[in-house]
Amino acid sequence: IPEWGGQKVRIMLEEDAFFDGSSV
């Protein structure tokens, strides 16, 4: 993060999804 002097943050994401055989 530039505003934090280059300090790294961990962006942790999780979302529920459905796979139909072709796409999510």
PDB file of all heavy atoms in Angstrom:
ATOM      1  N   ILE A   1       0.859  -1.193   0.000  1.00  0.00           N
ATOM      2  CA  ILE A   1       0.000   0.000   0.000  1.00  0.00           C
ATOM      3  C   ILE A   1       0.895   1.244   0.000  1.00  0.00           C
ATOM      4  O   ILE A   1       1.613   1.513   0.982  1.00  0.00           O
ATOM      5  CB  ILE A   1      -0.910   0.014   1.244  1.00  0.00           C
ATOM      6  CG1 ILE A   1      -1.692  -1.292   1.360  1.00  0.00           C
ATOM      7  CG2 ILE A   1      -1.837   1.219   1.199  1.00  0.00           C
ATOM      8  CD1 ILE A   1      -2.593  -1.609   0.185  1.00  0.00           C
ATOM      9  N   PRO A   2       0.903   2.022  -1.078  1.00  0.00           N
ATOM     10  CA  PRO A   2       1.795   3.186  -1.150  1.00  0.00           C
ATOM     11  C   PRO A   2       1.596   4.156   0.015  1.00  0.00           C
ATOM     12  O   PRO A   2       2.571   4.680   0.574  1.00  0.00           O
ATOM     13  CB  PRO A   2       1.421   3.831  -2.489  1.00  0.00           C
ATOM     14  CG  PRO A   2       0.856   2.708  -3.310  1.00  0.00           C
ATOM     15  CD  PRO A   2       0.149   1.827  -2.342  1.00  0.00           C
ATOM     16  N   GLU A   3       0.345   4.415   0.393  1.00  0.00           N
ATOM     17  CA  GLU A   3       0.076   5.369   1.474  1.00  0.00           C
ATOM     18  C   GLU A   3       0.578   4.863   2.825  1.00  0.00           C
ATOM     19  O   GLU A   3       0.698   5.631   3.772  1.00  0.00           O
ATOM     20  CB  GLU A   3      -1.435   5.645   1.565  1.00  0.00           C
ATOM     21  CG  GLU A   3      -2.031   6.346   0.352  1.00  0.00           C
ATOM     22  CD  GLU A   3      -2.513   5.359  -0.708  1.00  0.00           C
ATOM     23  OE1 GLU A   3      -2.094   4.156  -0.676  1.00  0.00           O
ATOM     24  OE2 GLU A   3      -3.302   5.775  -1.570  1.00  0.00           O
ATOM     25  N   TRP A   4       0.834   3.585   2.902  1.00  0.00           N
ATOM     26  CA  TRP A   4       1.361   2.984   4.119  1.00  0.00           C
ATOM     27  C   TRP A   4       2.846   2.663   3.976  1.00  0.00           C
ATOM     28  O   TRP A   4       3.367   1.743   4.589  1.00  0.00           O
ATOM     29  CB  TRP A   4       0.582   1.716   4.472  1.00  0.00           C
ATOM     30  CG  TRP A   4      -0.827   1.948   4.957  1.00  0.00           C
ATOM     31  CD1 TRP A   4      -1.543   3.113   4.875  1.00  0.00           C
ATOM     32  CD2 TRP A   4      -1.669   0.985   5.605  1.00  0.00           C
ATOM     33  NE1 TRP A   4      -2.794   2.936   5.425  1.00  0.00           N
ATOM     34  CE2 TRP A   4      -2.907   1.636   5.885  1.00  0.00           C
ATOM     35  CE3 TRP A   4      -1.518  -0.348   5.970  1.00  0.00           C
ATOM     36  CZ2 TRP A   4      -3.978   0.996   6.507  1.00  0.00           C
ATOM     37  CZ3 TRP A   4      -2.588  -0.992   6.589  1.00  0.00           C
ATOM     38  CH2 TRP A   4      -3.798  -0.327   6.864  1.00  0.00           C
ATOM     39  N   GLY A   5       3.533   3.427   3.134  1.00  0.00           N
ATOM     40  CA  GLY A   5       4.975   3.273   2.975  1.00  0.00           C
ATOM     41  C   GLY A   5       5.376   1.956   2.341  1.00  0.00           C
ATOM     42  O   GLY A   5       6.486   1.462   2.564  1.00  0.00           O
ATOM     43  N   GLY A   6       4.498   1.383   1.530  1.00  0.00           N
ATOM     44  CA  GLY A   6       4.798   0.099   0.893  1.00  0.00           C
ATOM     45  C   GLY A   6       4.495  -1.102   1.775  1.00  0.00           C
ATOM     46  O   GLY A   6       4.743  -2.244   1.371  1.00  0.00           O
ATOM     47  N   GLN A   7       3.971  -0.860   2.968  1.00  0.00           N
ATOM     48  CA  GLN A   7       3.596  -1.972   3.846  1.00  0.00           C
ATOM     49  C   GLN A   7       2.566  -2.851   3.133  1.00  0.00           C
ATOM     50  O   GLN A   7       1.624  -2.356   2.522  1.00  0.00           O
ATOM     51  CB  GLN A   7       3.003  -1.412   5.138  1.00  0.00           C
ATOM     52  CG  GLN A   7       2.466  -2.453   6.102  1.00  0.00           C
ATOM     53  CD  GLN A   7       1.772  -1.804   7.287  1.00  0.00           C
ATOM     54  OE1 GLN A   7       2.114  -0.668   7.674  1.00  0.00           O
ATOM     55  NE2 GLN A   7       0.810  -2.490   7.871  1.00  0.00           N
ATOM     56  N   LYS A   8       2.763  -4.156   3.217  1.00  0.00           N
ATOM     57  CA  LYS A   8       1.839  -5.075   2.552  1.00  0.00           C
ATOM     58  C   LYS A   8       0.633  -5.383   3.440  1.00  0.00           C
ATOM     59  O   LYS A   8       0.770  -5.511   4.661  1.00  0.00           O
ATOM     60  CB  LYS A   8       2.547  -6.382   2.188  1.00  0.00           C
ATOM     61  CG  LYS A   8       3.533  -6.250   1.033  1.00  0.00           C
ATOM     62  CD  LYS A   8       4.104  -7.617   0.655  1.00  0.00           C
ATOM     63  CE  LYS A   8       5.036  -7.496  -0.553  1.00  0.00           C
ATOM     64  NZ  LYS A   8       5.577  -8.819  -0.947  1.00  0.00           N
ATOM     65  N   VAL A   9      -0.518  -5.503   2.790  1.00  0.00           N
ATOM     66  CA  VAL A   9      -1.700  -6.014   3.469  1.00  0.00           C
ATOM     67  C   VAL A   9      -2.136  -7.291   2.752  1.00  0.00           C
ATOM     68  O   VAL A   9      -1.847  -7.490   1.565  1.00  0.00           O
ATOM     69  CB  VAL A   9      -2.855  -4.996   3.496  1.00  0.00           C
ATOM     70  CG1 VAL A   9      -2.442  -3.723   4.187  1.00  0.00           C
ATOM     71  CG2 VAL A   9      -3.381  -4.707   2.099  1.00  0.00           C
ATOM     72  N   ARG A  10      -2.805  -8.148   3.486  1.00  0.00           N
ATOM     73  CA  ARG A  10      -3.342  -9.371   2.889  1.00  0.00           C
ATOM     74  C   ARG A  10      -4.833  -9.159   2.630  1.00  0.00           C
ATOM     75  O   ARG A  10      -5.609  -8.984   3.565  1.00  0.00           O
ATOM     76  CB  ARG A  10      -3.127 -10.560   3.818  1.00  0.00           C
ATOM     77  CG  ARG A  10      -3.561 -11.901   3.190  1.00  0.00           C
ATOM     78  CD  ARG A  10      -3.342 -13.067   4.143  1.00  0.00           C
ATOM     79  NE  ARG A  10      -1.950 -13.252   4.448  1.00  0.00           N
ATOM     80  CZ  ARG A  10      -1.076 -13.911   3.700  1.00  0.00           C
ATOM     81  NH1 ARG A  10      -1.490 -14.427   2.545  1.00  0.00           N
ATOM     82  NH2 ARG A  10       0.171 -14.050   4.071  1.00  0.00           N
ATOM     83  N   ILE A  11      -5.199  -9.162   1.351  1.00  0.00           N
ATOM     84  CA  ILE A  11      -6.599  -9.060   0.966  1.00  0.00           C
ATOM     85  C   ILE A  11      -7.161 -10.479   0.937  1.00  0.00           C
ATOM     86  O   ILE A  11      -6.819 -11.287   0.071  1.00  0.00           O
ATOM     87  CB  ILE A  11      -6.759  -8.374  -0.398  1.00  0.00           C
ATOM     88  CG1 ILE A  11      -6.233  -6.935  -0.336  1.00  0.00           C
ATOM     89  CG2 ILE A  11      -8.217  -8.404  -0.847  1.00  0.00           C
ATOM     90  CD1 ILE A  11      -6.986  -6.034   0.613  1.00  0.00           C
ATOM     91  N   MET A  12      -8.005 -10.779   1.918  1.00  0.00           N
ATOM     92  CA  MET A  12      -8.561 -12.130   2.077  1.00  0.00           C
ATOM     93  C   MET A  12     -10.028 -12.100   1.692  1.00  0.00           C
ATOM     94  O   MET A  12     -10.843 -11.456   2.363  1.00  0.00           O
ATOM     95  CB  MET A  12      -8.396 -12.585   3.528  1.00  0.00           C
ATOM     96  CG  MET A  12      -6.945 -12.702   3.966  1.00  0.00           C
ATOM     97  SD  MET A  12      -6.756 -12.880   5.767  1.00  0.00           S
ATOM     98  CE  MET A  12      -6.924 -11.161   6.280  1.00  0.00           C
ATOM     99  N   LEU A  13     -10.361 -12.776   0.614  1.00  0.00           N
ATOM    100  CA  LEU A  13     -11.719 -12.756   0.084  1.00  0.00           C
ATOM    101  C   LEU A  13     -12.295 -14.164   0.025  1.00  0.00           C
ATOM    102  O   LEU A  13     -11.573 -15.134  -0.215  1.00  0.00           O
ATOM    103  CB  LEU A  13     -11.733 -12.144  -1.322  1.00  0.00           C
ATOM    104  CG  LEU A  13     -11.271 -10.696  -1.436  1.00  0.00           C
ATOM    105  CD1 LEU A  13     -11.248 -10.266  -2.899  1.00  0.00           C
ATOM    106  CD2 LEU A  13     -12.159  -9.762  -0.622  1.00  0.00           C
ATOM    107  N   GLU A  14     -13.593 -14.241   0.225  1.00  0.00           N
ATOM    108  CA  GLU A  14     -14.295 -15.515   0.078  1.00  0.00           C
ATOM    109  C   GLU A  14     -15.738 -15.224  -0.292  1.00  0.00           C
ATOM    110  O   GLU A  14     -16.422 -14.462   0.392  1.00  0.00           O
ATOM    111  CB  GLU A  14     -14.221 -16.326   1.373  1.00  0.00           C
ATOM    112  CG  GLU A  14     -14.769 -17.725   1.248  1.00  0.00           C
ATOM    113  CD  GLU A  14     -14.459 -18.588   2.455  1.00  0.00           C
ATOM    114  OE1 GLU A  14     -14.098 -18.035   3.515  1.00  0.00           O
ATOM    115  OE2 GLU A  14     -14.594 -19.817   2.343  1.00  0.00           O
ATOM    116  N   GLU A  15     -16.171 -15.828  -1.396  1.00  0.00           N
ATOM    117  CA  GLU A  15     -17.553 -15.658  -1.849  1.00  0.00           C
ATOM    118  C   GLU A  15     -18.072 -16.990  -2.380  1.00  0.00           C
ATOM    119  O   GLU A  15     -17.327 -17.769  -2.977  1.00  0.00           O
ATOM    120  CB  GLU A  15     -17.644 -14.616  -2.978  1.00  0.00           C
ATOM    121  CG  GLU A  15     -17.288 -13.203  -2.575  1.00  0.00           C
ATOM    122  CD  GLU A  15     -18.338 -12.502  -1.720  1.00  0.00           C
ATOM    123  OE1 GLU A  15     -19.344 -13.142  -1.348  1.00  0.00           O
ATOM    124  OE2 GLU A  15     -18.149 -11.304  -1.427  1.00  0.00           O
ATOM    125  N   ASP A  16     -19.355 -17.231  -2.187  1.00  0.00           N
ATOM    126  CA  ASP A  16     -19.969 -18.478  -2.621  1.00  0.00           C
ATOM    127  C   ASP A  16     -20.407 -18.366  -4.077  1.00  0.00           C
ATOM    128  O   ASP A  16     -20.937 -17.332  -4.505  1.00  0.00           O
ATOM    129  CB  ASP A  16     -21.153 -18.820  -1.720  1.00  0.00           C
ATOM    130  CG  ASP A  16     -20.716 -19.005  -0.271  1.00  0.00           C
ATOM    131  OD1 ASP A  16     -19.626 -19.579  -0.059  1.00  0.00           O
ATOM    132  OD2 ASP A  16     -21.435 -18.557   0.639  1.00  0.00           O
ATOM    133  N   ALA A  17     -20.174 -19.451  -4.823  1.00  0.00           N
ATOM    134  CA  ALA A  17     -20.398 -19.430  -6.263  1.00  0.00           C
ATOM    135  C   ALA A  17     -20.914 -20.789  -6.738  1.00  0.00           C
ATOM    136  O   ALA A  17     -20.894 -21.776  -5.995  1.00  0.00           O
ATOM    137  CB  ALA A  17     -19.095 -19.072  -6.985  1.00  0.00           C
ATOM    138  N   PHE A  18     -21.351 -20.824  -7.990  1.00  0.00           N
ATOM    139  CA  PHE A  18     -21.894 -22.047  -8.592  1.00  0.00           C
ATOM    140  C   PHE A  18     -21.184 -22.318  -9.906  1.00  0.00           C
ATOM    141  O   PHE A  18     -20.999 -21.416 -10.731  1.00  0.00           O
ATOM    142  CB  PHE A  18     -23.402 -21.889  -8.821  1.00  0.00           C
ATOM    143  CG  PHE A  18     -24.032 -23.070  -9.506  1.00  0.00           C
ATOM    144  CD1 PHE A  18     -24.263 -24.244  -8.802  1.00  0.00           C
ATOM    145  CD2 PHE A  18     -24.386 -23.013 -10.847  1.00  0.00           C
ATOM    146  CE1 PHE A  18     -24.836 -25.340  -9.439  1.00  0.00           C
ATOM    147  CE2 PHE A  18     -24.958 -24.099 -11.483  1.00  0.00           C
ATOM    148  CZ  PHE A  18     -25.186 -25.267 -10.769  1.00  0.00           C
ATOM    149  N   PHE A  19     -20.787 -23.590 -10.112  1.00  0.00           N
ATOM    150  CA  PHE A  19     -20.138 -24.005 -11.356  1.00  0.00           C
ATOM    151  C   PHE A  19     -21.109 -24.888 -12.128  1.00  0.00           C
ATOM    152  O   PHE A  19     -21.533 -25.938 -11.638  1.00  0.00           O
ATOM    153  CB  PHE A  19     -18.848 -24.767 -11.052  1.00  0.00           C
ATOM    154  CG  PHE A  19     -18.134 -25.290 -12.274  1.00  0.00           C
ATOM    155  CD1 PHE A  19     -17.708 -24.420 -13.268  1.00  0.00           C
ATOM    156  CD2 PHE A  19     -17.892 -26.656 -12.425  1.00  0.00           C
ATOM    157  CE1 PHE A  19     -17.053 -24.900 -14.401  1.00  0.00           C
ATOM    158  CE2 PHE A  19     -17.226 -27.138 -13.533  1.00  0.00           C
ATOM    159  CZ  PHE A  19     -16.803 -26.265 -14.537  1.00  0.00           C
ATOM    160  N   ASP A  20     -21.473 -24.473 -13.337  1.00  0.00           N
ATOM    161  CA  ASP A  20     -22.462 -25.208 -14.130  1.00  0.00           C
ATOM    162  C   ASP A  20     -21.828 -26.178 -15.112  1.00  0.00           C
ATOM    163  O   ASP A  20     -22.538 -26.845 -15.877  1.00  0.00           O
ATOM    164  CB  ASP A  20     -23.384 -24.244 -14.876  1.00  0.00           C
ATOM    165  CG  ASP A  20     -22.670 -23.474 -15.986  1.00  0.00           C
ATOM    166  OD1 ASP A  20     -21.431 -23.568 -16.092  1.00  0.00           O
ATOM    167  OD2 ASP A  20     -23.370 -22.774 -16.748  1.00  0.00           O
ATOM    168  N   GLY A  21     -20.515 -26.283 -15.088  1.00  0.00           N
ATOM    169  CA  GLY A  21     -19.791 -27.122 -16.042  1.00  0.00           C
ATOM    170  C   GLY A  21     -19.084 -26.310 -17.095  1.00  0.00           C
ATOM    171  O   GLY A  21     -18.160 -26.802 -17.763  1.00  0.00           O
ATOM    172  N   SER A  22     -19.518 -25.068 -17.260  1.00  0.00           N
ATOM    173  CA  SER A  22     -18.888 -24.172 -18.237  1.00  0.00           C
ATOM    174  C   SER A  22     -18.286 -22.935 -17.591  1.00  0.00           C
ATOM    175  O   SER A  22     -17.205 -22.486 -17.979  1.00  0.00           O
ATOM    176  CB  SER A  22     -19.916 -23.730 -19.297  1.00  0.00           C
ATOM    177  OG  SER A  22     -20.442 -24.841 -19.981  1.00  0.00           O
ATOM    178  N   SER A  23     -18.985 -22.379 -16.615  1.00  0.00           N
ATOM    179  CA  SER A  23     -18.512 -21.143 -16.010  1.00  0.00           C
ATOM    180  C   SER A  23     -18.930 -21.082 -14.548  1.00  0.00           C
ATOM    181  O   SER A  23     -19.818 -21.814 -14.098  1.00  0.00           O
ATOM    182  CB  SER A  23     -19.054 -19.924 -16.764  1.00  0.00           C
ATOM    183  OG  SER A  23     -20.473 -19.925 -16.728  1.00  0.00           O
ATOM    184  N   VAL A  24     -18.291 -20.166 -13.836  1.00  0.00           N
ATOM    185  CA  VAL A  24     -18.566 -19.950 -12.417  1.00  0.00           C
ATOM    186  C   VAL A  24     -19.341 -18.646 -12.276  1.00  0.00           C
ATOM    187  O   VAL A  24     -18.943 -17.617 -12.840  1.00  0.00           O
ATOM    188  CB  VAL A  24     -17.261 -19.887 -11.600  1.00  0.00           C
ATOM    189  CG1 VAL A  24     -17.547 -19.569 -10.137  1.00  0.00           C
ATOM    190  CG2 VAL A  24     -16.489 -21.202 -11.715  1.00  0.00           C
TER     191      VAL A  24
END
